[in-house]
Amino acid sequence: MTSSAEVIARVEADEKRLVFTTFTADDAFRLGILMRELALARGHAITIDIAHGDQRLFHTALPGTSAHNAKWIERKKNTVREWAASSYAVGLRFPILDPPFALENAPWMNPQQYSGSGGGFPIVVAGAGLVGTIAVSGLRHDLDHAFIVDALTAFLGVDPDTL
């Protein structure tokens, strides 16, 4: 069984290695199409959203999803923007840093606005920092995160075993 510390370390390593050199609207479109095709090939019923800042550049909802998935996406994007980290990492760290609370039940957090569930990922450009978000909803939250990591690894041509 994998410990929380091991999962957090893996998620943090993914965030460090999946960095863009540039990020344009064309990149968002190409990444979105790659993610859509990958989801269809895997039989995933997911919604995919890619944004630069607050501007949505790509959004698609595959068969089997609902408007509810878009609500999850907004919460995950808000979490990424607030903490400049994946929503999965934030959700995993929260009970460690602020015990006994999870992000969604901490009295100072609005659970309608933020989510510590996996599926929100920062778009980071080397030398510039956080410029956007990628969010997925429809799978179990750790699988939403893993799907984004798989897609970014392929899109960026990054070795999945490098840190």
C-alpha atoms as a PDB file:
ATOM      1  CA  MET A   1       0.000   0.000   0.000  1.00  0.00           C
ATOM      2  CA  THR A   2       1.289   3.465  -0.906  1.00  0.00           C
ATOM      3  CA  SER A   3       1.536   6.027   1.891  1.00  0.00           C
ATOM      4  CA  SER A   4       0.169   9.571   1.613  1.00  0.00           C
ATOM      5  CA  ALA A   5       3.737  10.896   1.711  1.00  0.00           C
ATOM      6  CA  GLU A   6       4.686   8.711  -1.265  1.00  0.00           C
ATOM      7  CA  VAL A   7       1.644   9.825  -3.262  1.00  0.00           C
ATOM      8  CA  ILE A   8       2.342  13.488  -2.444  1.00  0.00           C
ATOM      9  CA  ALA A   9       5.982  13.075  -3.515  1.00  0.00           C
ATOM     10  CA  ARG A  10       4.890  11.505  -6.820  1.00  0.00           C
ATOM     11  CA  VAL A  11       2.337  14.269  -7.475  1.00  0.00           C
ATOM     12  CA  GLU A  12       4.910  16.980  -6.680  1.00  0.00           C
ATOM     13  CA  ALA A  13       7.429  15.289  -9.004  1.00  0.00           C
ATOM     14  CA  ASP A  14       4.809  15.247 -11.791  1.00  0.00           C
ATOM     15  CA  GLU A  15       4.195  18.972 -11.304  1.00  0.00           C
ATOM     16  CA  LYS A  16       7.933  19.707 -11.531  1.00  0.00           C
ATOM     17  CA  ARG A  17       8.526  17.698 -14.706  1.00  0.00           C
ATOM     18  CA  LEU A  18       5.394  18.695 -16.635  1.00  0.00           C
ATOM     19  CA  VAL A  19       6.374  22.286 -17.403  1.00  0.00           C
ATOM     20  CA  PHE A  20       5.849  24.089 -20.700  1.00  0.00           C
ATOM     21  CA  THR A  21       8.467  26.240 -22.446  1.00  0.00           C
ATOM     22  CA  THR A  22       5.635  28.338 -23.922  1.00  0.00           C
ATOM     23  CA  PHE A  23       1.854  28.079 -23.844  1.00  0.00           C
ATOM     24  CA  THR A  24      -0.393  29.497 -26.557  1.00  0.00           C
ATOM     25  CA  ALA A  25      -4.007  29.147 -27.631  1.00  0.00           C
ATOM     26  CA  ASP A  26      -2.798  26.758 -30.335  1.00  0.00           C
ATOM     27  CA  ASP A  27      -1.056  24.650 -27.671  1.00  0.00           C
ATOM     28  CA  ALA A  28      -4.296  24.525 -25.675  1.00  0.00           C
ATOM     29  CA  PHE A  29      -6.238  23.392 -28.726  1.00  0.00           C
ATOM     30  CA  ARG A  30      -3.709  20.702 -29.701  1.00  0.00           C
ATOM     31  CA  LEU A  31      -3.490  19.459 -26.106  1.00  0.00           C
ATOM     32  CA  GLY A  32      -7.273  19.448 -25.815  1.00  0.00           C
ATOM     33  CA  ILE A  33      -7.666  17.399 -28.994  1.00  0.00           C
ATOM     34  CA  LEU A  34      -4.979  14.951 -27.805  1.00  0.00           C
ATOM     35  CA  MET A  35      -6.780  14.608 -24.458  1.00  0.00           C
ATOM     36  CA  ARG A  36     -10.152  14.133 -26.157  1.00  0.00           C
ATOM     37  CA  GLU A  37      -8.786  11.432 -28.469  1.00  0.00           C
ATOM     38  CA  LEU A  38      -7.029   9.705 -25.565  1.00  0.00           C
ATOM     39  CA  ALA A  39     -10.228   9.754 -23.499  1.00  0.00           C
ATOM     40  CA  LEU A  40     -12.273   8.336 -26.369  1.00  0.00           C
ATOM     41  CA  ALA A  41      -9.682   5.595 -26.987  1.00  0.00           C
ATOM     42  CA  ARG A  42      -9.817   4.654 -23.290  1.00  0.00           C
ATOM     43  CA  GLY A  43     -13.618   4.797 -23.145  1.00  0.00           C
ATOM     44  CA  HIS A  44     -13.629   7.608 -20.564  1.00  0.00           C
ATOM     45  CA  ALA A  45     -16.759   9.688 -20.039  1.00  0.00           C
ATOM     46  CA  ILE A  46     -15.052  12.916 -18.987  1.00  0.00           C
ATOM     47  CA  THR A  47     -15.238  16.658 -19.385  1.00  0.00           C
ATOM     48  CA  ILE A  48     -11.961  18.429 -20.260  1.00  0.00           C
ATOM     49  CA  ASP A  49     -11.210  22.109 -19.751  1.00  0.00           C
ATOM     50  CA  ILE A  50      -8.041  24.079 -20.560  1.00  0.00           C
ATOM     51  CA  ALA A  51      -7.693  27.747 -19.629  1.00  0.00           C
ATOM     52  CA  HIS A  52      -5.084  30.483 -19.859  1.00  0.00           C
ATOM     53  CA  GLY A  53      -5.717  32.625 -16.797  1.00  0.00           C
ATOM     54  CA  ASP A  54      -9.486  33.079 -16.692  1.00  0.00           C
ATOM     55  CA  GLN A  55      -9.905  32.578 -20.442  1.00  0.00           C
ATOM     56  CA  ARG A  56     -11.241  29.162 -21.405  1.00  0.00           C
ATOM     57  CA  LEU A  57      -9.363  28.028 -24.528  1.00  0.00           C
ATOM     58  CA  PHE A  58     -10.675  24.460 -24.829  1.00  0.00           C
ATOM     59  CA  HIS A  59     -13.681  22.677 -23.376  1.00  0.00           C
ATOM     60  CA  THR A  60     -15.314  19.408 -24.348  1.00  0.00           C
ATOM     61  CA  ALA A  61     -17.802  17.110 -22.679  1.00  0.00           C
ATOM     62  CA  LEU A  62     -17.788  13.514 -23.868  1.00  0.00           C
ATOM     63  CA  PRO A  63     -20.864  11.275 -23.950  1.00  0.00           C
ATOM     64  CA  GLY A  64     -21.827  10.105 -20.477  1.00  0.00           C
ATOM     65  CA  THR A  65     -21.001  13.396 -18.741  1.00  0.00           C
ATOM     66  CA  SER A  66     -23.364  16.031 -17.397  1.00  0.00           C
ATOM     67  CA  ALA A  67     -23.407  19.696 -16.437  1.00  0.00           C
ATOM     68  CA  HIS A  68     -22.368  18.562 -12.964  1.00  0.00           C
ATOM     69  CA  ASN A  69     -18.892  17.726 -14.318  1.00  0.00           C
ATOM     70  CA  ALA A  70     -18.450  21.372 -15.332  1.00  0.00           C
ATOM     71  CA  LYS A  71     -19.207  22.429 -11.745  1.00  0.00           C
ATOM     72  CA  TRP A  72     -16.470  20.098 -10.463  1.00  0.00           C
ATOM     73  CA  ILE A  73     -14.081  21.520 -13.045  1.00  0.00           C
ATOM     74  CA  GLU A  74     -14.636  25.082 -11.818  1.00  0.00           C
ATOM     75  CA  ARG A  75     -13.951  24.051  -8.211  1.00  0.00           C
ATOM     76  CA  LYS A  76     -10.766  22.213  -9.243  1.00  0.00           C
ATOM     77  CA  LYS A  77      -9.589  25.203 -11.324  1.00  0.00           C
ATOM     78  CA  ASN A  78     -10.176  27.557  -8.383  1.00  0.00           C
ATOM     79  CA  THR A  79      -8.055  25.298  -6.182  1.00  0.00           C
ATOM     80  CA  VAL A  80      -5.199  25.231  -8.702  1.00  0.00           C
ATOM     81  CA  ARG A  81      -5.296  29.023  -9.036  1.00  0.00           C
ATOM     82  CA  GLU A  82      -5.422  29.610  -5.258  1.00  0.00           C
ATOM     83  CA  TRP A  83      -2.511  27.292  -4.362  1.00  0.00           C
ATOM     84  CA  ALA A  84      -0.566  27.145  -7.674  1.00  0.00           C
ATOM     85  CA  ALA A  85      -0.560  23.369  -7.377  1.00  0.00           C
ATOM     86  CA  SER A  86      -2.680  20.480  -8.576  1.00  0.00           C
ATOM     87  CA  SER A  87      -6.006  20.066  -6.817  1.00  0.00           C
ATOM     88  CA  TYR A  88      -4.901  16.512  -5.953  1.00  0.00           C
ATOM     89  CA  ALA A  89      -1.749  17.754  -4.186  1.00  0.00           C
ATOM     90  CA  VAL A  90      -3.739  20.378  -2.280  1.00  0.00           C
ATOM     91  CA  GLY A  91      -6.313  17.797  -1.222  1.00  0.00           C
ATOM     92  CA  LEU A  92      -3.614  15.379  -0.055  1.00  0.00           C
ATOM     93  CA  ARG A  93      -1.657  18.046   1.863  1.00  0.00           C
ATOM     94  CA  PHE A  94      -4.603  19.770   3.526  1.00  0.00           C
ATOM     95  CA  PRO A  95      -5.246  17.250   6.349  1.00  0.00           C
ATOM     96  CA  ILE A  96      -1.513  17.088   7.056  1.00  0.00           C
ATOM     97  CA  LEU A  97      -1.039  20.855   7.231  1.00  0.00           C
ATOM     98  CA  ASP A  98      -4.392  21.716   8.857  1.00  0.00           C
ATOM     99  CA  PRO A  99      -5.504  18.654  10.831  1.00  0.00           C
ATOM    100  CA  PRO A 100      -8.157  17.444  11.249  1.00  0.00           C
ATOM    101  CA  PHE A 101      -9.639  19.285   8.275  1.00  0.00           C
ATOM    102  CA  ALA A 102      -9.973  18.337   4.633  1.00  0.00           C
ATOM    103  CA  LEU A 103     -10.214  21.247   2.212  1.00  0.00           C
ATOM    104  CA  GLU A 104     -13.969  20.799   1.826  1.00  0.00           C
ATOM    105  CA  ASN A 105     -14.775  20.791   5.569  1.00  0.00           C
ATOM    106  CA  ALA A 106     -12.379  23.444   6.855  1.00  0.00           C
ATOM    107  CA  PRO A 107     -14.527  26.212   8.371  1.00  0.00           C
ATOM    108  CA  TRP A 108     -12.628  28.918   6.476  1.00  0.00           C
ATOM    109  CA  MET A 109     -13.085  27.293   3.029  1.00  0.00           C
ATOM    110  CA  ASN A 110     -16.143  27.392   0.782  1.00  0.00           C
ATOM    111  CA  PRO A 111     -16.754  23.815  -0.463  1.00  0.00           C
ATOM    112  CA  GLN A 112     -18.855  25.179  -3.328  1.00  0.00           C
ATOM    113  CA  GLN A 113     -15.834  27.108  -4.601  1.00  0.00           C
ATOM    114  CA  TYR A 114     -12.857  24.741  -4.014  1.00  0.00           C
ATOM    115  CA  SER A 115     -12.153  21.041  -4.261  1.00  0.00           C
ATOM    116  CA  GLY A 116      -9.263  18.931  -3.026  1.00  0.00           C
ATOM    117  CA  SER A 117     -10.180  16.203  -5.498  1.00  0.00           C
ATOM    118  CA  GLY A 118      -7.755  15.235  -8.224  1.00  0.00           C
ATOM    119  CA  GLY A 119      -8.344  16.495 -11.724  1.00  0.00           C
ATOM    120  CA  GLY A 120      -7.079  20.078 -11.664  1.00  0.00           C
ATOM    121  CA  PHE A 121      -3.506  20.665 -12.842  1.00  0.00           C
ATOM    122  CA  PRO A 122      -1.406  23.825 -13.189  1.00  0.00           C
ATOM    123  CA  ILE A 123      -0.113  24.958 -16.564  1.00  0.00           C
ATOM    124  CA  VAL A 124       3.326  26.265 -15.675  1.00  0.00           C
ATOM    125  CA  VAL A 125       5.670  27.942 -18.144  1.00  0.00           C
ATOM    126  CA  ALA A 126       9.377  27.805 -17.284  1.00  0.00           C
ATOM    127  CA  GLY A 127      10.522  31.251 -16.168  1.00  0.00           C
ATOM    128  CA  ALA A 128       6.955  32.603 -15.965  1.00  0.00           C
ATOM    129  CA  GLY A 129       5.163  30.371 -13.449  1.00  0.00           C
ATOM    130  CA  LEU A 130       1.489  29.500 -13.359  1.00  0.00           C
ATOM    131  CA  VAL A 131      -0.310  30.711 -16.501  1.00  0.00           C
ATOM    132  CA  GLY A 132      -3.343  28.449 -16.685  1.00  0.00           C
ATOM    133  CA  THR A 133      -5.180  25.307 -15.715  1.00  0.00           C
ATOM    134  CA  ILE A 134      -6.137  21.928 -17.062  1.00  0.00           C
ATOM    135  CA  ALA A 135      -9.122  20.256 -15.444  1.00  0.00           C
ATOM    136  CA  VAL A 136     -10.836  16.919 -15.946  1.00  0.00           C
ATOM    137  CA  SER A 137     -13.958  15.505 -14.314  1.00  0.00           C
ATOM    138  CA  GLY A 138     -15.698  12.175 -14.714  1.00  0.00           C
ATOM    139  CA  LEU A 139     -13.383   9.503 -13.344  1.00  0.00           C
ATOM    140  CA  ARG A 140     -12.432   8.681  -9.773  1.00  0.00           C
ATOM    141  CA  HIS A 141     -10.463  11.746  -8.651  1.00  0.00           C
ATOM    142  CA  ASP A 142      -7.034  10.076  -8.580  1.00  0.00           C
ATOM    143  CA  LEU A 143      -7.705   8.749 -12.086  1.00  0.00           C
ATOM    144  CA  ASP A 144      -8.710  12.231 -13.294  1.00  0.00           C
ATOM    145  CA  HIS A 145      -5.273  13.381 -12.103  1.00  0.00           C
ATOM    146  CA  ALA A 146      -3.479  10.399 -13.664  1.00  0.00           C
ATOM    147  CA  PHE A 147      -5.236  11.028 -16.993  1.00  0.00           C
ATOM    148  CA  ILE A 148      -3.950  14.617 -17.091  1.00  0.00           C
ATOM    149  CA  VAL A 149      -0.428  13.433 -16.217  1.00  0.00           C
ATOM    150  CA  ASP A 150      -0.534  10.807 -18.998  1.00  0.00           C
ATOM    151  CA  ALA A 151      -1.747  13.360 -21.546  1.00  0.00           C
ATOM    152  CA  LEU A 152       0.809  16.013 -20.555  1.00  0.00           C
ATOM    153  CA  THR A 153       3.626  13.471 -20.562  1.00  0.00           C
ATOM    154  CA  ALA A 154       2.743  12.565 -24.157  1.00  0.00           C
ATOM    155  CA  PHE A 155       2.104  16.162 -25.259  1.00  0.00           C
ATOM    156  CA  LEU A 156       5.346  17.535 -23.796  1.00  0.00           C
ATOM    157  CA  GLY A 157       7.390  14.493 -24.840  1.00  0.00           C
ATOM    158  CA  VAL A 158       8.637  14.066 -21.281  1.00  0.00           C
ATOM    159  CA  ASP A 159      10.075  10.787 -20.028  1.00  0.00           C
ATOM    160  CA  PRO A 160       7.565   9.528 -17.444  1.00  0.00           C
ATOM    161  CA  ASP A 161      10.400   8.341 -15.189  1.00  0.00           C
ATOM    162  CA  THR A 162      12.389  11.582 -14.983  1.00  0.00           C
ATOM    163  CA  LEU A 163      12.101  14.105 -12.207  1.00  0.00           C
END
